[in-house]
PDB file of all heavy atoms in Angstrom:
ATOM      1  N   GLN A   1      67.818-229.326 174.220  1.00  0.00           N
ATOM      2  CA  GLN A   1      67.284-228.055 173.990  1.00  0.00           C
ATOM      3  C   GLN A   1      68.385-226.962 173.522  1.00  0.00           C
ATOM      4  O   GLN A   1      68.220-226.166 172.744  1.00  0.00           O
ATOM      5  CB  GLN A   1      66.529-227.534 175.214  1.00  0.00           C
ATOM      6  CG  GLN A   1      65.753-226.163 174.970  1.00  0.00           C
ATOM      7  CD  GLN A   1      64.711-226.028 176.109  1.00  0.00           C
ATOM      8  OE1 GLN A   1      64.529-226.821 176.998  1.00  0.00           O
ATOM      9  NE2 GLN A   1      64.018-224.943 176.003  1.00  0.00           N
ATOM     10  N   LYS A   2      69.536-227.162 174.248  1.00  0.00           N
ATOM     11  CA  LYS A   2      70.624-226.267 173.967  1.00  0.00           C
ATOM     12  C   LYS A   2      71.160-226.434 172.575  1.00  0.00           C
ATOM     13  O   LYS A   2      71.261-225.402 171.844  1.00  0.00           O
ATOM     14  CB  LYS A   2      71.806-226.621 174.984  1.00  0.00           C
ATOM     15  CG  LYS A   2      73.109-225.810 174.710  1.00  0.00           C
ATOM     16  CD  LYS A   2      74.183-226.304 175.676  1.00  0.00           C
ATOM     17  CE  LYS A   2      75.516-225.513 175.217  1.00  0.00           C
ATOM     18  NZ  LYS A   2      76.641-225.978 176.128  1.00  0.00           N
ATOM     19  N   PHE A   3      71.404-227.686 172.176  1.00  0.00           N
ATOM     20  CA  PHE A   3      71.934-227.837 170.788  1.00  0.00           C
ATOM     21  C   PHE A   3      70.914-227.710 169.756  1.00  0.00           C
ATOM     22  O   PHE A   3      71.036-227.431 168.600  1.00  0.00           O
ATOM     23  CB  PHE A   3      72.641-229.228 170.701  1.00  0.00           C
ATOM     24  CG  PHE A   3      73.967-229.234 171.381  1.00  0.00           C
ATOM     25  CD1 PHE A   3      74.130-229.637 172.635  1.00  0.00           C
ATOM     26  CD2 PHE A   3      75.104-228.853 170.623  1.00  0.00           C
ATOM     27  CE1 PHE A   3      75.370-229.712 173.309  1.00  0.00           C
ATOM     28  CE2 PHE A   3      76.263-228.872 171.315  1.00  0.00           C
ATOM     29  CZ  PHE A   3      76.458-229.251 172.573  1.00  0.00           C
ATOM     30  N   GLY A   4      69.585-227.909 170.213  1.00  0.00           N
ATOM     31  CA  GLY A   4      68.453-227.667 169.296  1.00  0.00           C
ATOM     32  C   GLY A   4      68.243-226.199 168.907  1.00  0.00           C
ATOM     33  O   GLY A   4      67.958-225.946 167.725  1.00  0.00           O
ATOM     34  N   LEU A   5      68.619-225.332 169.838  1.00  0.00           N
ATOM     35  CA  LEU A   5      68.538-223.936 169.565  1.00  0.00           C
ATOM     36  C   LEU A   5      69.601-223.533 168.549  1.00  0.00           C
ATOM     37  O   LEU A   5      69.355-222.789 167.624  1.00  0.00           O
ATOM     38  CB  LEU A   5      68.774-223.114 170.831  1.00  0.00           C
ATOM     39  CG  LEU A   5      67.602-222.945 171.779  1.00  0.00           C
ATOM     40  CD1 LEU A   5      67.956-222.358 173.107  1.00  0.00           C
ATOM     41  CD2 LEU A   5      66.519-221.992 171.144  1.00  0.00           C
ATOM     42  N   ARG A   6      70.803-224.086 168.717  1.00  0.00           N
ATOM     43  CA  ARG A   6      71.870-223.852 167.827  1.00  0.00           C
ATOM     44  C   ARG A   6      71.548-224.366 166.321  1.00  0.00           C
ATOM     45  O   ARG A   6      71.767-223.734 165.388  1.00  0.00           O
ATOM     46  CB  ARG A   6      73.130-224.528 168.323  1.00  0.00           C
ATOM     47  CG  ARG A   6      73.735-223.757 169.466  1.00  0.00           C
ATOM     48  CD  ARG A   6      74.915-224.411 170.172  1.00  0.00           C
ATOM     49  NE  ARG A   6      75.911-224.975 169.233  1.00  0.00           N
ATOM     50  CZ  ARG A   6      77.012-225.504 169.702  1.00  0.00           C
ATOM     51  NH1 ARG A   6      77.306-225.635 171.012  1.00  0.00           N
ATOM     52  NH2 ARG A   6      77.981-225.967 168.849  1.00  0.00           N
ATOM     53  N   LYS A   7      71.014-225.608 166.376  1.00  0.00           N
ATOM     54  CA  LYS A   7      70.571-226.239 165.091  1.00  0.00           C
ATOM     55  C   LYS A   7      69.546-225.375 164.371  1.00  0.00           C
ATOM     56  O   LYS A   7      69.569-225.213 163.178  1.00  0.00           O
ATOM     57  CB  LYS A   7      70.063-227.601 165.274  1.00  0.00           C
ATOM     58  CG  LYS A   7      69.711-228.352 164.128  1.00  0.00           C
ATOM     59  CD  LYS A   7      69.267-229.789 164.277  1.00  0.00           C
ATOM     60  CE  LYS A   7      68.955-230.522 163.015  1.00  0.00           C
ATOM     61  NZ  LYS A   7      68.387-231.909 163.321  1.00  0.00           N
ATOM     62  N   ARG A   8      68.637-224.854 165.221  1.00  0.00           N
ATOM     63  CA  ARG A   8      67.555-224.002 164.555  1.00  0.00           C
ATOM     64  C   ARG A   8      68.067-222.784 163.934  1.00  0.00           C
ATOM     65  O   ARG A   8      67.760-222.364 162.769  1.00  0.00           O
ATOM     66  CB  ARG A   8      66.603-223.513 165.692  1.00  0.00           C
ATOM     67  CG  ARG A   8      65.422-224.486 165.972  1.00  0.00           C
ATOM     68  CD  ARG A   8      64.565-223.858 167.072  1.00  0.00           C
ATOM     69  NE  ARG A   8      64.250-222.515 166.702  1.00  0.00           N
ATOM     70  CZ  ARG A   8      63.277-222.146 165.770  1.00  0.00           C
ATOM     71  NH1 ARG A   8      62.619-223.047 165.281  1.00  0.00           N
ATOM     72  NH2 ARG A   8      63.122-220.917 165.544  1.00  0.00           N
ATOM     73  N   ALA A   9      69.053-222.152 164.497  1.00  0.00           N
ATOM     74  CA  ALA A   9      69.771-220.911 164.022  1.00  0.00           C
ATOM     75  C   ALA A   9      70.459-221.289 162.740  1.00  0.00           C
ATOM     76  O   ALA A   9      70.400-220.525 161.829  1.00  0.00           O
ATOM     77  CB  ALA A   9      70.640-220.311 165.076  1.00  0.00           C
ATOM     78  N   VAL A  10      71.188-222.379 162.724  1.00  0.00           N
ATOM     79  CA  VAL A  10      71.892-222.776 161.469  1.00  0.00           C
ATOM     80  C   VAL A  10      70.936-223.136 160.427  1.00  0.00           C
ATOM     81  O   VAL A  10      71.189-222.844 159.226  1.00  0.00           O
ATOM     82  CB  VAL A  10      72.831-223.978 161.925  1.00  0.00           C
ATOM     83  CG1 VAL A  10      73.494-224.538 160.667  1.00  0.00           C
ATOM     84  CG2 VAL A  10      73.939-223.525 162.834  1.00  0.00           C
ATOM     85  N   LEU A  11      69.807-223.791 160.777  1.00  0.00           N
ATOM     86  CA  LEU A  11      68.855-224.111 159.711  1.00  0.00           C
ATOM     87  C   LEU A  11      68.258-222.928 159.103  1.00  0.00           C
ATOM     88  O   LEU A  11      68.102-222.907 157.857  1.00  0.00           O
ATOM     89  CB  LEU A  11      67.680-225.046 160.345  1.00  0.00           C
ATOM     90  CG  LEU A  11      66.545-225.410 159.380  1.00  0.00           C
ATOM     91  CD1 LEU A  11      67.155-226.273 158.251  1.00  0.00           C
ATOM     92  CD2 LEU A  11      65.593-226.292 160.165  1.00  0.00           C
ATOM     93  N   SER A  12      67.969-221.917 159.915  1.00  0.00           N
ATOM     94  CA  SER A  12      67.427-220.645 159.304  1.00  0.00           C
ATOM     95  C   SER A  12      68.451-220.054 158.360  1.00  0.00           C
ATOM     96  O   SER A  12      68.035-219.513 157.261  1.00  0.00           O
ATOM     97  CB  SER A  12      67.161-219.636 160.489  1.00  0.00           C
ATOM     98  OG  SER A  12      66.151-220.034 161.266  1.00  0.00           O
ATOM     99  N   ASP A  13      69.739-220.100 158.741  1.00  0.00           N
ATOM    100  CA  ASP A  13      70.707-219.619 157.850  1.00  0.00           C
ATOM    101  C   ASP A  13      70.873-220.496 156.550  1.00  0.00           C
ATOM    102  O   ASP A  13      71.093-219.888 155.464  1.00  0.00           O
ATOM    103  CB  ASP A  13      72.142-219.631 158.548  1.00  0.00           C
ATOM    104  CG  ASP A  13      73.264-218.946 157.765  1.00  0.00           C
ATOM    105  OD1 ASP A  13      73.132-217.738 157.443  1.00  0.00           O
ATOM    106  OD2 ASP A  13      74.216-219.693 157.393  1.00  0.00           O
ATOM    107  N   VAL A  14      70.726-221.705 156.660  1.00  0.00           N
ATOM    108  CA  VAL A  14      70.752-222.602 155.469  1.00  0.00           C
ATOM    109  C   VAL A  14      69.612-222.190 154.565  1.00  0.00           C
ATOM    110  O   VAL A  14      69.749-222.084 153.329  1.00  0.00           O
ATOM    111  CB  VAL A  14      70.573-224.090 155.903  1.00  0.00           C
ATOM    112  CG1 VAL A  14      70.302-224.969 154.642  1.00  0.00           C
ATOM    113  CG2 VAL A  14      71.904-224.561 156.607  1.00  0.00           C
ATOM    114  N   ILE A  15      68.450-222.039 154.998  1.00  0.00           N
ATOM    115  CA  ILE A  15      67.302-221.661 154.193  1.00  0.00           C
ATOM    116  C   ILE A  15      67.535-220.299 153.522  1.00  0.00           C
ATOM    117  O   ILE A  15      67.253-220.163 152.331  1.00  0.00           O
ATOM    118  CB  ILE A  15      65.973-221.586 155.003  1.00  0.00           C
ATOM    119  CG1 ILE A  15      65.658-222.970 155.556  1.00  0.00           C
ATOM    120  CG2 ILE A  15      64.807-221.079 154.165  1.00  0.00           C
ATOM    121  CD1 ILE A  15      64.553-223.020 156.589  1.00  0.00           C
ATOM    122  N   SER A  16      68.068-219.382 154.289  1.00  0.00           N
ATOM    123  CA  SER A  16      68.353-218.034 153.696  1.00  0.00           C
ATOM    124  C   SER A  16      69.382-218.139 152.545  1.00  0.00           C
ATOM    125  O   SER A  16      69.314-217.486 151.500  1.00  0.00           O
ATOM    126  CB  SER A  16      68.896-217.041 154.767  1.00  0.00           C
ATOM    127  OG  SER A  16      67.927-216.755 155.735  1.00  0.00           O
ATOM    128  N   ARG A  17      70.436-218.985 152.825  1.00  0.00           N
ATOM    129  CA  ARG A  17      71.458-219.108 151.751  1.00  0.00           C
ATOM    130  C   ARG A  17      70.954-219.839 150.527  1.00  0.00           C
ATOM    131  O   ARG A  17      71.288-219.500 149.434  1.00  0.00           O
ATOM    132  CB  ARG A  17      72.641-219.898 152.343  1.00  0.00           C
ATOM    133  CG  ARG A  17      73.405-219.250 153.575  1.00  0.00           C
ATOM    134  CD  ARG A  17      74.206-218.066 153.161  1.00  0.00           C
ATOM    135  NE  ARG A  17      73.343-216.864 152.913  1.00  0.00           N
ATOM    136  CZ  ARG A  17      72.845-216.146 153.874  1.00  0.00           C
ATOM    137  NH1 ARG A  17      73.117-216.477 155.198  1.00  0.00           N
ATOM    138  NH2 ARG A  17      72.125-215.146 153.678  1.00  0.00           N
ATOM    139  N   VAL A  18      70.081-220.756 150.732  1.00  0.00           N
ATOM    140  CA  VAL A  18      69.398-221.468 149.545  1.00  0.00           C
ATOM    141  C   VAL A  18      68.625-220.468 148.661  1.00  0.00           C
ATOM    142  O   VAL A  18      68.689-220.521 147.550  1.00  0.00           O
ATOM    143  CB  VAL A  18      68.647-222.729 150.026  1.00  0.00           C
ATOM    144  CG1 VAL A  18      67.803-223.238 148.865  1.00  0.00           C
ATOM    145  CG2 VAL A  18      69.472-223.736 150.644  1.00  0.00           C
ATOM    146  N   ILE A  19      67.809-219.723 149.340  1.00  0.00           N
ATOM    147  CA  ILE A  19      66.884-218.763 148.682  1.00  0.00           C
ATOM    148  C   ILE A  19      67.830-217.735 148.107  1.00  0.00           C
ATOM    149  O   ILE A  19      67.577-217.354 146.848  1.00  0.00           O
ATOM    150  CB  ILE A  19      65.940-218.117 149.683  1.00  0.00           C
ATOM    151  CG1 ILE A  19      64.923-219.142 150.237  1.00  0.00           C
ATOM    152  CG2 ILE A  19      65.271-216.927 149.039  1.00  0.00           C
ATOM    153  CD1 ILE A  19      64.064-218.638 151.315  1.00  0.00           C
ATOM    154  N   GLU A  20      68.858-217.292 148.703  1.00  0.00           N
ATOM    155  CA  GLU A  20      69.839-216.299 148.127  1.00  0.00           C
ATOM    156  C   GLU A  20      70.501-216.836 146.958  1.00  0.00           C
ATOM    157  O   GLU A  20      70.511-216.218 145.884  1.00  0.00           O
ATOM    158  CB  GLU A  20      70.885-215.976 149.189  1.00  0.00           C
ATOM    159  CG  GLU A  20      71.908-215.079 148.805  1.00  0.00           C
ATOM    160  CD  GLU A  20      73.049-214.924 149.838  1.00  0.00           C
ATOM    161  OE1 GLU A  20      73.808-215.881 150.140  1.00  0.00           O
ATOM    162  OE2 GLU A  20      73.148-213.760 150.295  1.00  0.00           O
ATOM    163  N   TYR A  21      70.908-218.217 146.901  1.00  0.00           N
ATOM    164  CA  TYR A  21      71.486-218.874 145.791  1.00  0.00           C
ATOM    165  C   TYR A  21      70.523-218.856 144.635  1.00  0.00           C
ATOM    166  O   TYR A  21      70.908-218.652 143.478  1.00  0.00           O
ATOM    167  CB  TYR A  21      71.982-220.202 146.260  1.00  0.00           C
ATOM    168  CG  TYR A  21      72.778-220.991 145.222  1.00  0.00           C
ATOM    169  CD1 TYR A  21      74.166-220.647 144.960  1.00  0.00           C
ATOM    170  CD2 TYR A  21      72.226-221.912 144.496  1.00  0.00           C
ATOM    171  CE1 TYR A  21      74.900-221.217 144.040  1.00  0.00           C
ATOM    172  CE2 TYR A  21      72.955-222.602 143.487  1.00  0.00           C
ATOM    173  CZ  TYR A  21      74.304-222.283 143.337  1.00  0.00           C
ATOM    174  OH  TYR A  21      75.128-222.916 142.323  1.00  0.00           O
ATOM    175  N   ILE A  22      69.393-219.312 144.879  1.00  0.00           N
ATOM    176  CA  ILE A  22      68.354-219.454 143.804  1.00  0.00           C
ATOM    177  C   ILE A  22      68.003-218.075 143.167  1.00  0.00           C
ATOM    178  O   ILE A  22      68.038-217.974 141.981  1.00  0.00           O
ATOM    179  CB  ILE A  22      67.036-220.112 144.338  1.00  0.00           C
ATOM    180  CG1 ILE A  22      67.318-221.572 144.696  1.00  0.00           C
ATOM    181  CG2 ILE A  22      65.966-220.083 143.248  1.00  0.00           C
ATOM    182  CD1 ILE A  22      66.159-222.190 145.511  1.00  0.00           C
ATOM    183  N   ASN A  23      67.845-217.121 144.039  1.00  0.00           N
ATOM    184  CA  ASN A  23      67.494-215.802 143.479  1.00  0.00           C
ATOM    185  C   ASN A  23      68.636-215.114 142.776  1.00  0.00           C
ATOM    186  O   ASN A  23      68.373-214.359 141.743  1.00  0.00           O
ATOM    187  CB  ASN A  23      67.060-214.851 144.631  1.00  0.00           C
ATOM    188  CG  ASN A  23      65.644-215.214 145.248  1.00  0.00           C
ATOM    189  OD1 ASN A  23      64.919-215.836 144.485  1.00  0.00           O
ATOM    190  ND2 ASN A  23      65.320-214.722 146.343  1.00  0.00           N
ATOM    191  N   GLY A  24      69.851-215.423 143.136  1.00  0.00           N
ATOM    192  CA  GLY A  24      71.073-214.809 142.493  1.00  0.00           C
ATOM    193  C   GLY A  24      71.816-215.658 141.623  1.00  0.00           C
ATOM    194  O   GLY A  24      72.999-215.380 141.351  1.00  0.00           O
ATOM    195  N   VAL A  25      71.182-216.758 141.122  1.00  0.00           N
ATOM    196  CA  VAL A  25      71.993-217.775 140.447  1.00  0.00           C
ATOM    197  C   VAL A  25      72.661-217.126 139.125  1.00  0.00           C
ATOM    198  O   VAL A  25      73.707-217.496 138.672  1.00  0.00           O
ATOM    199  CB  VAL A  25      71.132-218.947 140.087  1.00  0.00           C
ATOM    200  CG1 VAL A  25      70.060-218.631 139.133  1.00  0.00           C
ATOM    201  CG2 VAL A  25      71.908-220.153 139.529  1.00  0.00           C
ATOM    202  N   LYS A  26      71.946-216.196 138.461  1.00  0.00           N
ATOM    203  CA  LYS A  26      72.519-215.674 137.321  1.00  0.00           C
ATOM    204  C   LYS A  26      73.813-214.822 137.649  1.00  0.00           C
ATOM    205  O   LYS A  26      74.796-214.919 136.818  1.00  0.00           O
ATOM    206  CB  LYS A  26      71.509-214.666 136.619  1.00  0.00           C
ATOM    207  CG  LYS A  26      70.374-215.454 135.939  1.00  0.00           C
ATOM    208  CD  LYS A  26      69.503-214.516 135.068  1.00  0.00           C
ATOM    209  CE  LYS A  26      68.760-213.407 135.943  1.00  0.00           C
ATOM    210  NZ  LYS A  26      67.790-212.670 135.091  1.00  0.00           N
ATOM    211  N   VAL A  27      73.814-214.149 138.732  1.00  0.00           N
ATOM    212  CA  VAL A  27      74.966-213.390 139.110  1.00  0.00           C
ATOM    213  C   VAL A  27      76.176-214.363 139.489  1.00  0.00           C
ATOM    214  O   VAL A  27      77.298-214.189 139.078  1.00  0.00           O
ATOM    215  CB  VAL A  27      74.671-212.474 140.347  1.00  0.00           C
ATOM    216  CG1 VAL A  27      75.926-211.781 140.805  1.00  0.00           C
ATOM    217  CG2 VAL A  27      73.679-211.505 139.961  1.00  0.00           C
ATOM    218  N   PHE A  28      75.763-215.448 140.188  1.00  0.00           N
ATOM    219  CA  PHE A  28      76.792-216.416 140.606  1.00  0.00           C
ATOM    220  C   PHE A  28      77.414-217.142 139.489  1.00  0.00           C
ATOM    221  O   PHE A  28      78.620-217.381 139.417  1.00  0.00           O
ATOM    222  CB  PHE A  28      76.260-217.423 141.694  1.00  0.00           C
ATOM    223  CG  PHE A  28      75.659-216.729 142.890  1.00  0.00           C
ATOM    224  CD1 PHE A  28      74.358-217.116 143.348  1.00  0.00           C
ATOM    225  CD2 PHE A  28      76.271-215.665 143.447  1.00  0.00           C
ATOM    226  CE1 PHE A  28      73.837-216.513 144.533  1.00  0.00           C
ATOM    227  CE2 PHE A  28      75.769-215.011 144.577  1.00  0.00           C
ATOM    228  CZ  PHE A  28      74.514-215.522 145.099  1.00  0.00           C
ATOM    229  N   LYS A  29      76.576-217.495 138.489  1.00  0.00           N
ATOM    230  CA  LYS A  29      76.992-218.062 137.161  1.00  0.00           C
ATOM    231  C   LYS A  29      78.018-217.076 136.449  1.00  0.00           C
ATOM    232  O   LYS A  29      79.093-217.537 135.937  1.00  0.00           O
ATOM    233  CB  LYS A  29      75.809-218.372 136.308  1.00  0.00           C
ATOM    234  CG  LYS A  29      75.216-219.698 136.604  1.00  0.00           C
ATOM    235  CD  LYS A  29      74.110-220.008 135.583  1.00  0.00           C
ATOM    236  CE  LYS A  29      73.595-221.460 135.658  1.00  0.00           C
ATOM    237  NZ  LYS A  29      74.586-222.446 135.155  1.00  0.00           N
ATOM    238  N   ALA A  30      77.588-215.871 136.468  1.00  0.00           N
ATOM    239  CA  ALA A  30      78.456-214.873 135.752  1.00  0.00           C
ATOM    240  C   ALA A  30      79.854-214.807 136.372  1.00  0.00           C
ATOM    241  O   ALA A  30      80.844-214.457 135.680  1.00  0.00           O
ATOM    242  CB  ALA A  30      77.805-213.448 135.678  1.00  0.00           C
TER     243      ALA A  30
END
């Protein structure tokens, strides 16, 4: 449960970063 909570938080961050990367791919390419 302890490490599961930490993994959940990191997973949320991963999803946010992936969405951020997809939405801003033109800027990142530039």
